[in-house]
Amino acid sequence: MRTLRLLNLHCNKTDNDDVDNTKLNKIFLTVDNGRYHIFGPESMMNGSDWKVNANIQFNKQAIISFFDEDLLRNLSTTKHFRNHIVEENEIHDAPKKVKFATNNANYILTYQII
């Protein structure tokens, strides 16, 4: 059994003239390790950090899912969430980063498997 440690989520707004870089987005993270864990909503804007600081134990694999309130409003038309799968043999000495993107922002999740 391993522990997935969610450390931090960082928000970078994209350089799109049509986008208000000061607008808050409500962000959710979920982890499925056989049980479903929900984190959020967290209001984020350009340059903000969310110190998630959560530990989730898992066997074999855990699926990290990312979504924002815009995806929630369009669940009927959204076929796939943004997912990242971690496996128990994926042990890192240093934290690992994974990117998630929306139409108007990029997010970087930092996590560790211990």
N, C-alpha and C. Protein backbone atom coordinates (compact mmCIF):
# COMPACT_ATOMS: atom_id res chain seq x y z
N MET A 1 0.85 -1.18 0.00
CA MET A 1 0.00 0.00 0.00
C MET A 1 0.89 1.24 0.00
N ARG A 2 0.52 2.21 -0.82
CA ARG A 2 1.25 3.47 -0.92
C ARG A 2 0.34 4.63 -0.51
N THR A 3 0.96 5.78 -0.34
CA THR A 3 0.22 7.00 -0.02
C THR A 3 0.46 8.02 -1.12
N LEU A 4 -0.63 8.53 -1.67
CA LEU A 4 -0.59 9.63 -2.62
C LEU A 4 -0.73 10.92 -1.80
N ARG A 5 0.27 11.76 -1.90
CA ARG A 5 0.25 13.03 -1.17
C ARG A 5 0.03 14.16 -2.17
N LEU A 6 -1.16 14.76 -2.14
CA LEU A 6 -1.45 15.93 -2.98
C LEU A 6 -0.89 17.15 -2.26
N LEU A 7 0.02 17.84 -2.91
CA LEU A 7 0.71 18.95 -2.26
C LEU A 7 0.13 20.31 -2.62
N ASN A 8 0.15 20.68 -3.90
CA ASN A 8 -0.18 22.04 -4.30
C ASN A 8 -0.75 22.05 -5.72
N LEU A 9 -1.69 22.95 -5.96
CA LEU A 9 -2.19 23.20 -7.30
C LEU A 9 -1.95 24.67 -7.61
N HIS A 10 -1.27 24.95 -8.72
CA HIS A 10 -0.94 26.32 -9.12
C HIS A 10 -1.71 26.68 -10.39
N CYS A 11 -2.21 27.90 -10.46
CA CYS A 11 -3.00 28.37 -11.60
C CYS A 11 -2.22 29.39 -12.41
N ASN A 12 -2.17 29.18 -13.72
CA ASN A 12 -1.61 30.16 -14.67
C ASN A 12 -2.67 30.43 -15.72
N LYS A 13 -3.16 31.65 -15.77
CA LYS A 13 -4.12 32.01 -16.81
C LYS A 13 -3.39 32.08 -18.15
N THR A 14 -4.08 31.74 -19.22
CA THR A 14 -3.48 31.83 -20.54
C THR A 14 -3.54 33.27 -21.04
N ASP A 15 -2.71 33.56 -22.00
CA ASP A 15 -2.67 34.90 -22.58
C ASP A 15 -3.69 35.00 -23.70
N ASN A 16 -4.93 35.16 -23.32
CA ASN A 16 -6.01 35.28 -24.29
C ASN A 16 -6.68 36.62 -24.05
N ASP A 17 -6.74 37.46 -25.07
CA ASP A 17 -7.30 38.80 -24.90
C ASP A 17 -8.76 38.79 -24.46
N ASP A 18 -9.47 37.69 -24.73
CA ASP A 18 -10.88 37.60 -24.37
C ASP A 18 -11.10 37.15 -22.94
N VAL A 19 -10.03 36.80 -22.24
CA VAL A 19 -10.14 36.23 -20.91
C VAL A 19 -9.82 37.27 -19.85
N ASP A 20 -10.64 37.33 -18.82
CA ASP A 20 -10.40 38.20 -17.68
C ASP A 20 -9.48 37.46 -16.72
N ASN A 21 -8.21 37.89 -16.61
CA ASN A 21 -7.22 37.19 -15.78
C ASN A 21 -7.45 37.38 -14.29
N THR A 22 -8.42 38.21 -13.90
CA THR A 22 -8.72 38.38 -12.49
C THR A 22 -9.95 37.58 -12.07
N LYS A 23 -10.59 36.90 -13.01
CA LYS A 23 -11.80 36.12 -12.70
C LYS A 23 -11.43 34.87 -11.91
N LEU A 24 -12.21 34.60 -10.89
CA LEU A 24 -11.99 33.40 -10.09
C LEU A 24 -12.64 32.20 -10.76
N ASN A 25 -11.93 31.09 -10.76
CA ASN A 25 -12.48 29.82 -11.22
C ASN A 25 -12.60 28.91 -10.01
N LYS A 26 -13.70 28.18 -9.92
CA LYS A 26 -13.87 27.21 -8.84
C LYS A 26 -13.37 25.87 -9.33
N ILE A 27 -12.38 25.33 -8.62
CA ILE A 27 -11.67 24.13 -9.03
C ILE A 27 -11.96 23.00 -8.05
N PHE A 28 -12.07 21.79 -8.60
CA PHE A 28 -12.26 20.58 -7.80
C PHE A 28 -11.19 19.56 -8.18
N LEU A 29 -10.75 18.79 -7.23
CA LEU A 29 -9.91 17.62 -7.46
C LEU A 29 -10.60 16.44 -6.84
N THR A 30 -10.53 15.30 -7.50
CA THR A 30 -11.03 14.07 -6.90
C THR A 30 -9.96 13.01 -7.02
N VAL A 31 -9.99 12.06 -6.12
CA VAL A 31 -9.11 10.90 -6.19
C VAL A 31 -9.97 9.66 -5.99
N ASP A 32 -9.84 8.73 -6.93
CA ASP A 32 -10.56 7.46 -6.85
C ASP A 32 -9.53 6.37 -6.57
N ASN A 33 -9.59 5.83 -5.36
CA ASN A 33 -8.70 4.74 -4.96
C ASN A 33 -9.52 3.51 -4.56
N GLY A 34 -10.70 3.39 -5.14
CA GLY A 34 -11.67 2.39 -4.71
C GLY A 34 -12.76 3.07 -3.89
N ARG A 35 -12.41 4.17 -3.27
CA ARG A 35 -13.34 5.10 -2.62
C ARG A 35 -13.13 6.44 -3.30
N TYR A 36 -14.13 7.27 -3.27
CA TYR A 36 -14.08 8.54 -3.97
C TYR A 36 -13.81 9.66 -2.98
N HIS A 37 -12.74 10.45 -3.20
CA HIS A 37 -12.38 11.57 -2.34
C HIS A 37 -12.51 12.86 -3.15
N ILE A 38 -13.22 13.85 -2.60
CA ILE A 38 -13.45 15.11 -3.30
C ILE A 38 -12.79 16.24 -2.52
N PHE A 39 -12.04 17.09 -3.24
CA PHE A 39 -11.37 18.24 -2.65
C PHE A 39 -11.82 19.48 -3.39
N GLY A 40 -12.29 20.48 -2.65
CA GLY A 40 -12.77 21.70 -3.27
C GLY A 40 -14.23 21.90 -2.96
N PRO A 41 -14.83 22.92 -3.50
CA PRO A 41 -14.26 23.81 -4.50
C PRO A 41 -13.27 24.78 -3.89
N GLU A 42 -12.29 25.14 -4.69
CA GLU A 42 -11.29 26.14 -4.32
C GLU A 42 -11.34 27.24 -5.38
N SER A 43 -11.49 28.48 -4.96
CA SER A 43 -11.51 29.60 -5.90
C SER A 43 -10.07 29.98 -6.24
N MET A 44 -9.78 29.95 -7.55
CA MET A 44 -8.42 30.24 -8.00
C MET A 44 -8.44 31.27 -9.11
N MET A 45 -7.38 32.06 -9.18
CA MET A 45 -7.19 33.01 -10.26
C MET A 45 -5.72 33.00 -10.65
N ASN A 46 -5.36 33.81 -11.61
CA ASN A 46 -4.01 33.82 -12.15
C ASN A 46 -2.96 33.97 -11.04
N GLY A 47 -2.03 33.02 -10.99
CA GLY A 47 -0.95 33.08 -10.03
C GLY A 47 -1.26 32.50 -8.66
N SER A 48 -2.48 32.08 -8.42
CA SER A 48 -2.83 31.59 -7.09
C SER A 48 -2.40 30.13 -6.89
N ASP A 49 -2.20 29.78 -5.63
CA ASP A 49 -1.82 28.43 -5.22
C ASP A 49 -2.84 27.89 -4.24
N TRP A 50 -3.13 26.63 -4.36
CA TRP A 50 -4.01 25.91 -3.43
C TRP A 50 -3.16 24.85 -2.77
N LYS A 51 -2.90 25.02 -1.50
CA LYS A 51 -2.16 24.04 -0.71
C LYS A 51 -3.13 22.94 -0.32
N VAL A 52 -3.20 21.89 -1.12
CA VAL A 52 -4.18 20.83 -0.91
C VAL A 52 -3.86 20.03 0.34
N ASN A 53 -2.59 19.62 0.49
CA ASN A 53 -2.11 18.91 1.67
C ASN A 53 -3.04 17.76 2.09
N ALA A 54 -3.20 16.79 1.20
CA ALA A 54 -4.05 15.63 1.49
C ALA A 54 -3.27 14.35 1.23
N ASN A 55 -3.48 13.37 2.09
CA ASN A 55 -2.85 12.05 1.94
C ASN A 55 -3.95 11.02 1.71
N ILE A 56 -3.79 10.23 0.64
CA ILE A 56 -4.77 9.19 0.31
C ILE A 56 -4.01 7.89 0.09
N GLN A 57 -4.36 6.88 0.85
CA GLN A 57 -3.73 5.58 0.67
C GLN A 57 -4.40 4.85 -0.49
N PHE A 58 -3.59 4.05 -1.22
CA PHE A 58 -4.15 3.30 -2.34
C PHE A 58 -3.35 2.03 -2.59
N ASN A 59 -4.00 1.08 -3.23
CA ASN A 59 -3.36 -0.15 -3.72
C ASN A 59 -3.36 -0.11 -5.23
N LYS A 60 -2.28 -0.49 -5.83
CA LYS A 60 -2.11 -0.60 -7.28
C LYS A 60 -2.17 0.75 -7.98
N GLN A 61 -3.33 1.44 -7.99
CA GLN A 61 -3.41 2.73 -8.66
C GLN A 61 -4.48 3.61 -8.05
N ALA A 62 -4.33 4.91 -8.32
CA ALA A 62 -5.33 5.90 -7.94
C ALA A 62 -5.49 6.84 -9.13
N ILE A 63 -6.70 7.32 -9.33
CA ILE A 63 -6.99 8.20 -10.45
C ILE A 63 -7.29 9.59 -9.90
N ILE A 64 -6.45 10.55 -10.29
CA ILE A 64 -6.65 11.95 -9.92
C ILE A 64 -7.46 12.60 -11.04
N SER A 65 -8.57 13.23 -10.70
CA SER A 65 -9.37 13.93 -11.71
C SER A 65 -9.44 15.40 -11.36
N PHE A 66 -9.41 16.22 -12.40
CA PHE A 66 -9.44 17.67 -12.27
C PHE A 66 -10.65 18.19 -13.04
N PHE A 67 -11.37 19.12 -12.45
CA PHE A 67 -12.43 19.80 -13.20
C PHE A 67 -12.75 21.12 -12.55
N ASP A 68 -13.37 22.00 -13.34
CA ASP A 68 -13.79 23.29 -12.82
C ASP A 68 -15.29 23.43 -12.96
N GLU A 69 -15.82 24.54 -12.46
CA GLU A 69 -17.27 24.70 -12.45
C GLU A 69 -17.85 24.75 -13.85
N ASP A 70 -17.07 25.20 -14.85
CA ASP A 70 -17.58 25.21 -16.22
C ASP A 70 -17.82 23.78 -16.71
N LEU A 71 -16.92 22.86 -16.36
CA LEU A 71 -17.13 21.46 -16.73
C LEU A 71 -18.36 20.89 -16.04
N LEU A 72 -18.58 21.28 -14.78
CA LEU A 72 -19.74 20.78 -14.05
C LEU A 72 -21.04 21.22 -14.71
N ARG A 73 -21.08 22.46 -15.19
CA ARG A 73 -22.28 22.96 -15.86
C ARG A 73 -22.56 22.23 -17.15
N ASN A 74 -21.51 21.69 -17.77
CA ASN A 74 -21.65 21.04 -19.06
C ASN A 74 -21.47 19.53 -18.98
N LEU A 75 -21.80 18.94 -17.85
CA LEU A 75 -21.60 17.50 -17.68
C LEU A 75 -22.32 16.68 -18.75
N SER A 76 -23.45 17.17 -19.21
CA SER A 76 -24.18 16.40 -20.21
C SER A 76 -23.43 16.35 -21.54
N THR A 77 -22.58 17.34 -21.80
CA THR A 77 -21.82 17.35 -23.05
C THR A 77 -20.37 16.94 -22.86
N THR A 78 -19.93 16.81 -21.62
CA THR A 78 -18.54 16.45 -21.35
C THR A 78 -18.44 14.93 -21.21
N LYS A 79 -17.64 14.32 -22.05
CA LYS A 79 -17.50 12.87 -22.00
C LYS A 79 -16.35 12.43 -21.12
N HIS A 80 -15.33 13.27 -20.98
CA HIS A 80 -14.15 12.88 -20.22
C HIS A 80 -13.73 14.00 -19.28
N PHE A 81 -13.42 13.63 -18.05
CA PHE A 81 -12.78 14.56 -17.15
C PHE A 81 -11.30 14.57 -17.49
N ARG A 82 -10.57 15.48 -16.94
CA ARG A 82 -9.13 15.48 -17.09
C ARG A 82 -8.57 14.60 -15.98
N ASN A 83 -7.97 13.48 -16.37
CA ASN A 83 -7.51 12.48 -15.41
C ASN A 83 -6.01 12.27 -15.48
N HIS A 84 -5.47 11.81 -14.36
CA HIS A 84 -4.07 11.38 -14.30
C HIS A 84 -4.03 10.15 -13.40
N ILE A 85 -3.43 9.07 -13.88
CA ILE A 85 -3.36 7.83 -13.11
C ILE A 85 -1.98 7.69 -12.49
N VAL A 86 -1.96 7.40 -11.18
CA VAL A 86 -0.70 7.11 -10.49
C VAL A 86 -0.74 5.64 -10.09
N GLU A 87 0.43 5.01 -10.12
CA GLU A 87 0.53 3.60 -9.78
C GLU A 87 1.48 3.42 -8.61
N GLU A 88 1.26 2.35 -7.83
CA GLU A 88 2.01 2.17 -6.61
C GLU A 88 3.51 1.97 -6.84
N ASN A 89 3.91 1.53 -8.03
CA ASN A 89 5.34 1.36 -8.30
C ASN A 89 6.00 2.65 -8.77
N GLU A 90 5.27 3.74 -8.78
CA GLU A 90 5.73 5.04 -9.25
C GLU A 90 6.21 5.89 -8.06
N ILE A 91 7.24 5.41 -7.39
CA ILE A 91 7.75 6.11 -6.21
C ILE A 91 8.78 7.14 -6.66
N HIS A 92 8.68 8.35 -6.12
CA HIS A 92 9.58 9.44 -6.51
C HIS A 92 10.29 9.97 -5.28
N ASP A 93 11.58 10.27 -5.45
CA ASP A 93 12.31 10.93 -4.38
C ASP A 93 11.86 12.37 -4.23
N ALA A 94 11.55 12.97 -5.37
CA ALA A 94 11.10 14.37 -5.37
C ALA A 94 9.64 14.43 -5.82
N PRO A 95 8.94 15.50 -5.48
CA PRO A 95 7.57 15.65 -5.94
C PRO A 95 7.48 15.65 -7.46
N LYS A 96 6.37 15.17 -7.97
CA LYS A 96 6.12 15.10 -9.41
C LYS A 96 5.04 16.12 -9.76
N LYS A 97 5.07 16.63 -11.00
CA LYS A 97 4.09 17.62 -11.44
C LYS A 97 3.31 17.07 -12.61
N VAL A 98 2.02 17.38 -12.63
CA VAL A 98 1.16 17.02 -13.75
C VAL A 98 0.36 18.27 -14.12
N LYS A 99 0.16 18.46 -15.43
CA LYS A 99 -0.55 19.65 -15.92
C LYS A 99 -1.98 19.29 -16.31
N PHE A 100 -2.88 20.20 -15.96
CA PHE A 100 -4.27 20.13 -16.39
C PHE A 100 -4.58 21.47 -17.07
N ALA A 101 -5.36 21.45 -18.12
CA ALA A 101 -5.66 22.69 -18.83
C ALA A 101 -7.16 22.83 -19.04
N THR A 102 -7.62 24.07 -18.99
CA THR A 102 -8.99 24.41 -19.34
C THR A 102 -8.91 25.36 -20.53
N ASN A 103 -10.03 25.90 -20.95
CA ASN A 103 -10.03 26.83 -22.08
C ASN A 103 -9.27 28.11 -21.79
N ASN A 104 -9.22 28.51 -20.51
CA ASN A 104 -8.60 29.80 -20.21
C ASN A 104 -7.49 29.74 -19.17
N ALA A 105 -7.06 28.54 -18.77
CA ALA A 105 -6.00 28.47 -17.76
C ALA A 105 -5.28 27.13 -17.81
N ASN A 106 -4.07 27.15 -17.30
CA ASN A 106 -3.29 25.93 -17.11
C ASN A 106 -3.06 25.77 -15.61
N TYR A 107 -3.15 24.55 -15.15
CA TYR A 107 -2.95 24.25 -13.74
C TYR A 107 -1.86 23.20 -13.60
N ILE A 108 -1.04 23.34 -12.57
CA ILE A 108 0.02 22.38 -12.31
C ILE A 108 -0.20 21.83 -10.91
N LEU A 109 -0.44 20.52 -10.86
CA LEU A 109 -0.61 19.82 -9.58
C LEU A 109 0.72 19.18 -9.21
N THR A 110 1.16 19.44 -7.99
CA THR A 110 2.37 18.82 -7.47
C THR A 110 1.93 17.75 -6.47
N TYR A 111 2.46 16.53 -6.66
CA TYR A 111 2.11 15.43 -5.77
C TYR A 111 3.33 14.55 -5.55
N GLN A 112 3.20 13.66 -4.59
CA GLN A 112 4.27 12.74 -4.26
C GLN A 112 3.65 11.39 -3.90
N ILE A 113 4.35 10.32 -4.21
CA ILE A 113 3.92 9.00 -3.78
C ILE A 113 4.95 8.50 -2.78
N ILE A 114 4.48 8.14 -1.60
CA ILE A 114 5.39 7.69 -0.54
C ILE A 114 4.97 6.32 -0.06
